[in-house]
Each structure stands twice: as structure tokens, then as C-alpha cells.
Amino acid sequence: MNSESESLQAKRGKQASIDGFAHEHIVVGILMKKFQNVSLVDLPLSSYDIIIARREGEENQDDIIRVQVKTARKNISFTGGTRGGVDREYKSDAKKYVQSTKTSDVVVGVHPNDSGGYDLYFVPTILVEKWNTGSKSLQKIEVLKNNYDFIINCKNHEYILQKAKELKLL
């Protein structure tokens, strides 16, 4: 690889890294307006980026939703454990994995739209497990775009599976 293409690759990697961090902050802001008690996670080995603490039920106990944020241009990736951005060649002890109900509750794909704003694709990891794939085209999951029912109910297996069948996602 020549130095010009390496420089271009480094610029792309740096921009991808910046986009990833910016998208996490954008999602926190959007979710904070909706759910109020939302925070970025400052745990470098965590498999999720954001937590939402909701108060529900008569006992008024916190219900934590673990959110993984992914930049989504044409598709949304459900994988983790690999390096992106400017440091793509970095080798660590982390192993590549696909998001699941063990690692997070919902994957949020951030898609910059034509009007300068952002669309959010809420993909419960219940569906990621059912699909058994590392990514999904945004065209195939259009019904999840800005559909807050799927983040609100992301831990409710019965609801998610029923809705997914109704919407022909399964």
C-alpha cells in the first residue's frame, strides 16, 4: 500500500471513530428527551454504550436497559469486540462476538438522514438472536426506524416476537 492510500485510509478511520463517538452522544441526547434517566457507560470493556434506568411497577424499582450504538449507513452491524476507526489494526484480547441478550438489550442503529437529522433503528437483541446474522440491511428493518415500542419493550420476549411476526421481520 502506498503512503497516499495509507493516509486516505487513516483519515477514513479517524472519521469513523469520530462518527462513532458523536453518534453515542447524539443517541444519549435523543433518548434522554424520551426517557430522562439515560447515561453513557464509561466502562471500556463493556459490551454496551448507554444505559436507560426506568422506574416501573408498583415497587418503583429501576429497570436497566443496556443499549449498544452502531453507525448505520446501508446496514446495521450486530458485531462487537473488534477495533474500528483510526486504530483498525489494533490487536487485543477481545474476541469478535454478535450482540445477544447476554451482552445488551437493544442495538440502536444511527442513520444520518437527508434532512441533516438522524433516524434511530431500535433492534432488540431478542431479534438479533433469532436472525442469527452479523448485520441487517436497513431496508429490511425499515419498520424499526424511530419505532420506540421496540426499545420500550426490548426485554419482553413475547411482545417482541409477536410484533416481529406481524411486521414480517421473522
C-alpha atoms as a PDB file:
ATOM      1  CA  MET A   1       0.000   0.000   0.000  1.00  0.00           C
ATOM      2  CA  ASN A   2       1.422   3.399  -0.896  1.00  0.00           C
ATOM      3  CA  SER A   3       1.600   6.316   1.516  1.00  0.00           C
ATOM      4  CA  GLU A   4      -1.232   8.212  -0.218  1.00  0.00           C
ATOM      5  CA  SER A   5      -3.710   5.350   0.199  1.00  0.00           C
ATOM      6  CA  GLU A   6      -2.498   4.786   3.775  1.00  0.00           C
ATOM      7  CA  SER A   7      -3.147   8.454   4.506  1.00  0.00           C
ATOM      8  CA  LEU A   8      -6.640   8.226   2.994  1.00  0.00           C
ATOM      9  CA  GLN A   9      -7.333   5.066   4.993  1.00  0.00           C
ATOM     10  CA  ALA A  10      -6.142   6.772   8.192  1.00  0.00           C
ATOM     11  CA  LYS A  11      -8.426   9.758   7.509  1.00  0.00           C
ATOM     12  CA  ARG A  12     -11.402   7.457   6.920  1.00  0.00           C
ATOM     13  CA  GLY A  13     -10.604   5.510  10.074  1.00  0.00           C
ATOM     14  CA  LYS A  14     -10.297   8.680  12.120  1.00  0.00           C
ATOM     15  CA  GLN A  15     -13.628   9.964  10.769  1.00  0.00           C
ATOM     16  CA  ALA A  16     -15.301   6.626  11.520  1.00  0.00           C
ATOM     17  CA  SER A  17     -14.017   6.821  15.090  1.00  0.00           C
ATOM     18  CA  ILE A  18     -15.261  10.404  15.483  1.00  0.00           C
ATOM     19  CA  ASP A  19     -18.645   9.447  13.994  1.00  0.00           C
ATOM     20  CA  GLY A  20     -18.961   6.550  16.445  1.00  0.00           C
ATOM     21  CA  PHE A  21     -18.312   8.726  19.493  1.00  0.00           C
ATOM     22  CA  ALA A  22     -20.556  11.505  18.178  1.00  0.00           C
ATOM     23  CA  HIS A  23     -23.381   9.058  17.476  1.00  0.00           C
ATOM     24  CA  GLU A  24     -23.226   7.737  21.032  1.00  0.00           C
ATOM     25  CA  HIS A  25     -23.693  11.290  22.336  1.00  0.00           C
ATOM     26  CA  ILE A  26     -26.478  12.022  19.833  1.00  0.00           C
ATOM     27  CA  VAL A  27     -28.350   8.865  20.889  1.00  0.00           C
ATOM     28  CA  VAL A  28     -27.913   9.733  24.586  1.00  0.00           C
ATOM     29  CA  GLY A  29     -29.442  13.167  23.930  1.00  0.00           C
ATOM     30  CA  ILE A  30     -32.380  11.802  21.948  1.00  0.00           C
ATOM     31  CA  LEU A  31     -33.085   9.054  24.495  1.00  0.00           C
ATOM     32  CA  MET A  32     -32.721  11.488  27.403  1.00  0.00           C
ATOM     33  CA  LYS A  33     -35.542  13.614  25.946  1.00  0.00           C
ATOM     34  CA  LYS A  34     -37.741  10.483  25.866  1.00  0.00           C
ATOM     35  CA  PHE A  35     -36.677   8.532  28.975  1.00  0.00           C
ATOM     36  CA  GLN A  36     -34.899  11.179  31.137  1.00  0.00           C
ATOM     37  CA  ASN A  37     -32.616   8.891  33.167  1.00  0.00           C
ATOM     38  CA  VAL A  38     -30.036   7.997  30.490  1.00  0.00           C
ATOM     39  CA  SER A  39     -26.248   7.845  30.661  1.00  0.00           C
ATOM     40  CA  LEU A  40     -23.201   6.927  28.623  1.00  0.00           C
ATOM     41  CA  VAL A  41     -21.334   3.983  30.119  1.00  0.00           C
ATOM     42  CA  ASP A  42     -17.717   4.714  30.988  1.00  0.00           C
ATOM     43  CA  LEU A  43     -16.629   1.088  31.128  1.00  0.00           C
ATOM     44  CA  PRO A  44     -14.086   0.327  28.389  1.00  0.00           C
ATOM     45  CA  LEU A  45     -14.703  -3.437  28.366  1.00  0.00           C
ATOM     46  CA  SER A  46     -18.494  -3.144  28.374  1.00  0.00           C
ATOM     47  CA  SER A  47     -20.492  -4.655  25.518  1.00  0.00           C
ATOM     48  CA  TYR A  48     -22.922  -1.714  25.608  1.00  0.00           C
ATOM     49  CA  ASP A  49     -22.556   2.067  25.367  1.00  0.00           C
ATOM     50  CA  ILE A  50     -25.601   3.511  27.150  1.00  0.00           C
ATOM     51  CA  ILE A  51     -27.918   2.610  29.991  1.00  0.00           C
ATOM     52  CA  ILE A  52     -31.503   3.700  30.453  1.00  0.00           C
ATOM     53  CA  ALA A  53     -32.795   3.458  34.026  1.00  0.00           C
ATOM     54  CA  ARG A  54     -36.604   3.394  34.030  1.00  0.00           C
ATOM     55  CA  ARG A  55     -38.901   3.336  37.011  1.00  0.00           C
ATOM     56  CA  GLU A  56     -41.750   0.923  36.548  1.00  0.00           C
ATOM     57  CA  GLY A  57     -44.291  -1.004  38.537  1.00  0.00           C
ATOM     58  CA  GLU A  58     -45.802  -0.514  41.968  1.00  0.00           C
ATOM     59  CA  GLU A  59     -42.493  -1.110  43.731  1.00  0.00           C
ATOM     60  CA  ASN A  60     -40.904   1.722  41.707  1.00  0.00           C
ATOM     61  CA  GLN A  61     -37.708  -0.248  41.063  1.00  0.00           C
ATOM     62  CA  ASP A  62     -35.232   0.658  38.353  1.00  0.00           C
ATOM     63  CA  ASP A  63     -35.299  -1.396  35.190  1.00  0.00           C
ATOM     64  CA  ILE A  64     -31.998  -1.022  33.340  1.00  0.00           C
ATOM     65  CA  ILE A  65     -31.898  -1.211  29.528  1.00  0.00           C
ATOM     66  CA  ARG A  66     -28.447  -1.806  28.034  1.00  0.00           C
ATOM     67  CA  VAL A  67     -28.016  -0.045  24.669  1.00  0.00           C
ATOM     68  CA  GLN A  68     -25.323  -0.683  22.058  1.00  0.00           C
ATOM     69  CA  VAL A  69     -24.955   2.135  19.489  1.00  0.00           C
ATOM     70  CA  LYS A  70     -23.880   1.436  15.905  1.00  0.00           C
ATOM     71  CA  THR A  71     -23.419   3.793  12.973  1.00  0.00           C
ATOM     72  CA  ALA A  72     -25.781   2.579  10.249  1.00  0.00           C
ATOM     73  CA  ARG A  73     -25.385   3.763   6.673  1.00  0.00           C
ATOM     74  CA  LYS A  74     -26.851   0.992   4.469  1.00  0.00           C
ATOM     75  CA  ASN A  75     -26.933  -1.724   7.113  1.00  0.00           C
ATOM     76  CA  ILE A  76     -26.540  -2.166  10.832  1.00  0.00           C
ATOM     77  CA  SER A  77     -23.844  -4.389  12.297  1.00  0.00           C
ATOM     78  CA  PHE A  78     -24.551  -6.518  15.345  1.00  0.00           C
ATOM     79  CA  THR A  79     -20.928  -7.468  15.980  1.00  0.00           C
ATOM     80  CA  GLY A  80     -18.581  -6.247  18.663  1.00  0.00           C
ATOM     81  CA  GLY A  81     -15.166  -6.990  20.093  1.00  0.00           C
ATOM     82  CA  THR A  82     -13.184  -5.644  17.148  1.00  0.00           C
ATOM     83  CA  ARG A  83     -11.443  -2.330  16.690  1.00  0.00           C
ATOM     84  CA  GLY A  84     -12.778   0.325  14.377  1.00  0.00           C
ATOM     85  CA  GLY A  85     -11.847   3.827  13.422  1.00  0.00           C
ATOM     86  CA  VAL A  86      -8.268   5.022  13.219  1.00  0.00           C
ATOM     87  CA  ASP A  87      -6.874   2.015  15.098  1.00  0.00           C
ATOM     88  CA  ARG A  88      -8.396  -0.782  12.992  1.00  0.00           C
ATOM     89  CA  GLU A  89      -5.196  -2.866  13.011  1.00  0.00           C
ATOM     90  CA  TYR A  90      -5.026  -2.941  16.810  1.00  0.00           C
ATOM     91  CA  LYS A  91      -4.963  -6.499  18.123  1.00  0.00           C
ATOM     92  CA  SER A  92      -6.370  -7.073  21.577  1.00  0.00           C
ATOM     93  CA  ASP A  93      -7.515  -9.960  23.705  1.00  0.00           C
ATOM     94  CA  ALA A  94     -11.118  -9.135  22.832  1.00  0.00           C
ATOM     95  CA  LYS A  95     -12.870 -11.648  20.648  1.00  0.00           C
ATOM     96  CA  LYS A  96     -15.410 -10.818  17.966  1.00  0.00           C
ATOM     97  CA  TYR A  97     -18.970 -11.570  19.040  1.00  0.00           C
ATOM     98  CA  VAL A  98     -22.524 -10.955  17.881  1.00  0.00           C
ATOM     99  CA  GLN A  99     -24.753  -8.946  20.214  1.00  0.00           C
ATOM    100  CA  SER A 100     -27.181 -11.073  22.203  1.00  0.00           C
ATOM    101  CA  THR A 101     -29.462 -10.792  25.200  1.00  0.00           C
ATOM    102  CA  LYS A 102     -26.378 -11.618  27.306  1.00  0.00           C
ATOM    103  CA  THR A 103     -24.400  -8.604  26.041  1.00  0.00           C
ATOM    104  CA  SER A 104     -27.086  -5.909  25.599  1.00  0.00           C
ATOM    105  CA  ASP A 105     -30.842  -5.456  25.368  1.00  0.00           C
ATOM    106  CA  VAL A 106     -31.100  -3.358  22.215  1.00  0.00           C
ATOM    107  CA  VAL A 107     -28.850  -2.262  19.370  1.00  0.00           C
ATOM    108  CA  VAL A 108     -29.550   1.256  18.120  1.00  0.00           C
ATOM    109  CA  GLY A 109     -28.505   1.979  14.564  1.00  0.00           C
ATOM    110  CA  VAL A 110     -27.854   5.695  13.987  1.00  0.00           C
ATOM    111  CA  HIS A 111     -28.572   6.685  10.406  1.00  0.00           C
ATOM    112  CA  PRO A 112     -27.830  10.262   9.265  1.00  0.00           C
ATOM    113  CA  ASN A 113     -30.830  11.272   7.141  1.00  0.00           C
ATOM    114  CA  ASP A 114     -31.137  13.662   4.185  1.00  0.00           C
ATOM    115  CA  SER A 115     -32.565  16.491   6.305  1.00  0.00           C
ATOM    116  CA  GLY A 116     -29.440  16.710   8.489  1.00  0.00           C
ATOM    117  CA  GLY A 117     -31.031  14.815  11.375  1.00  0.00           C
ATOM    118  CA  TYR A 118     -30.800  11.226  12.493  1.00  0.00           C
ATOM    119  CA  ASP A 119     -33.061   8.213  12.304  1.00  0.00           C
ATOM    120  CA  LEU A 120     -32.711   5.583  15.003  1.00  0.00           C
ATOM    121  CA  TYR A 121     -33.302   1.902  14.298  1.00  0.00           C
ATOM    122  CA  PHE A 122     -34.212   0.079  17.523  1.00  0.00           C
ATOM    123  CA  VAL A 123     -33.265  -3.598  17.201  1.00  0.00           C
ATOM    124  CA  PRO A 124     -33.895  -5.721  20.305  1.00  0.00           C
ATOM    125  CA  THR A 125     -31.211  -8.360  20.773  1.00  0.00           C
ATOM    126  CA  ILE A 126     -34.054 -10.878  21.010  1.00  0.00           C
ATOM    127  CA  LEU A 127     -34.408 -10.381  17.233  1.00  0.00           C
ATOM    128  CA  VAL A 128     -30.647 -10.431  16.645  1.00  0.00           C
ATOM    129  CA  GLU A 129     -30.547 -13.885  18.233  1.00  0.00           C
ATOM    130  CA  LYS A 130     -33.473 -15.089  16.095  1.00  0.00           C
ATOM    131  CA  TRP A 131     -31.918 -13.749  12.874  1.00  0.00           C
ATOM    132  CA  ASN A 132     -28.561 -15.339  13.702  1.00  0.00           C
ATOM    133  CA  THR A 133     -26.672 -12.878  11.498  1.00  0.00           C
ATOM    134  CA  GLY A 134     -23.939 -10.293  11.999  1.00  0.00           C
ATOM    135  CA  SER A 135     -25.780  -7.465  10.228  1.00  0.00           C
ATOM    136  CA  LYS A 136     -29.054  -6.472   8.585  1.00  0.00           C
ATOM    137  CA  SER A 137     -29.896  -4.134   5.717  1.00  0.00           C
ATOM    138  CA  LEU A 138     -31.766  -1.009   6.837  1.00  0.00           C
ATOM    139  CA  GLN A 139     -34.248  -1.604   4.007  1.00  0.00           C
ATOM    140  CA  LYS A 140     -35.223  -4.928   5.594  1.00  0.00           C
ATOM    141  CA  ILE A 141     -35.854  -3.370   9.012  1.00  0.00           C
ATOM    142  CA  GLU A 142     -37.459  -0.084   7.942  1.00  0.00           C
ATOM    143  CA  VAL A 143     -40.376  -0.749  10.348  1.00  0.00           C
ATOM    144  CA  LEU A 144     -37.951  -0.419  13.281  1.00  0.00           C
ATOM    145  CA  LYS A 145     -36.955   3.131  12.286  1.00  0.00           C
ATOM    146  CA  ASN A 146     -37.844   5.545  15.106  1.00  0.00           C
ATOM    147  CA  ASN A 147     -40.201   2.878  16.488  1.00  0.00           C
ATOM    148  CA  TYR A 148     -39.863   3.435  20.244  1.00  0.00           C
ATOM    149  CA  ASP A 149     -42.107   0.442  21.029  1.00  0.00           C
ATOM    150  CA  PHE A 150     -39.125  -1.753  20.242  1.00  0.00           C
ATOM    151  CA  ILE A 151     -36.851  -0.094  22.780  1.00  0.00           C
ATOM    152  CA  ILE A 152     -39.559   0.261  25.424  1.00  0.00           C
ATOM    153  CA  ASN A 153     -40.407  -3.451  25.151  1.00  0.00           C
ATOM    154  CA  CYS A 154     -36.941  -4.736  24.197  1.00  0.00           C
ATOM    155  CA  LYS A 155     -36.853  -7.233  27.101  1.00  0.00           C
ATOM    156  CA  ASN A 156     -40.377  -8.574  26.571  1.00  0.00           C
ATOM    157  CA  HIS A 157     -39.763 -11.728  24.511  1.00  0.00           C
ATOM    158  CA  GLU A 158     -43.425 -12.453  23.853  1.00  0.00           C
ATOM    159  CA  TYR A 159     -44.207  -8.904  22.702  1.00  0.00           C
ATOM    160  CA  ILE A 160     -41.099  -8.572  20.503  1.00  0.00           C
ATOM    161  CA  LEU A 161     -41.608 -11.920  18.799  1.00  0.00           C
ATOM    162  CA  GLN A 162     -45.331 -11.301  18.222  1.00  0.00           C
ATOM    163  CA  LYS A 163     -44.710  -7.814  16.775  1.00  0.00           C
ATOM    164  CA  ALA A 164     -41.821  -9.089  14.651  1.00  0.00           C
ATOM    165  CA  LYS A 165     -44.084 -11.738  13.107  1.00  0.00           C
ATOM    166  CA  GLU A 166     -46.847  -9.172  12.481  1.00  0.00           C
ATOM    167  CA  LEU A 167     -44.343  -6.853  10.792  1.00  0.00           C
ATOM    168  CA  LYS A 168     -42.791  -9.749   8.804  1.00  0.00           C
ATOM    169  CA  LEU A 169     -39.391  -9.410  10.459  1.00  0.00           C
ATOM    170  CA  LEU A 170     -39.419 -13.144  11.275  1.00  0.00           C
END
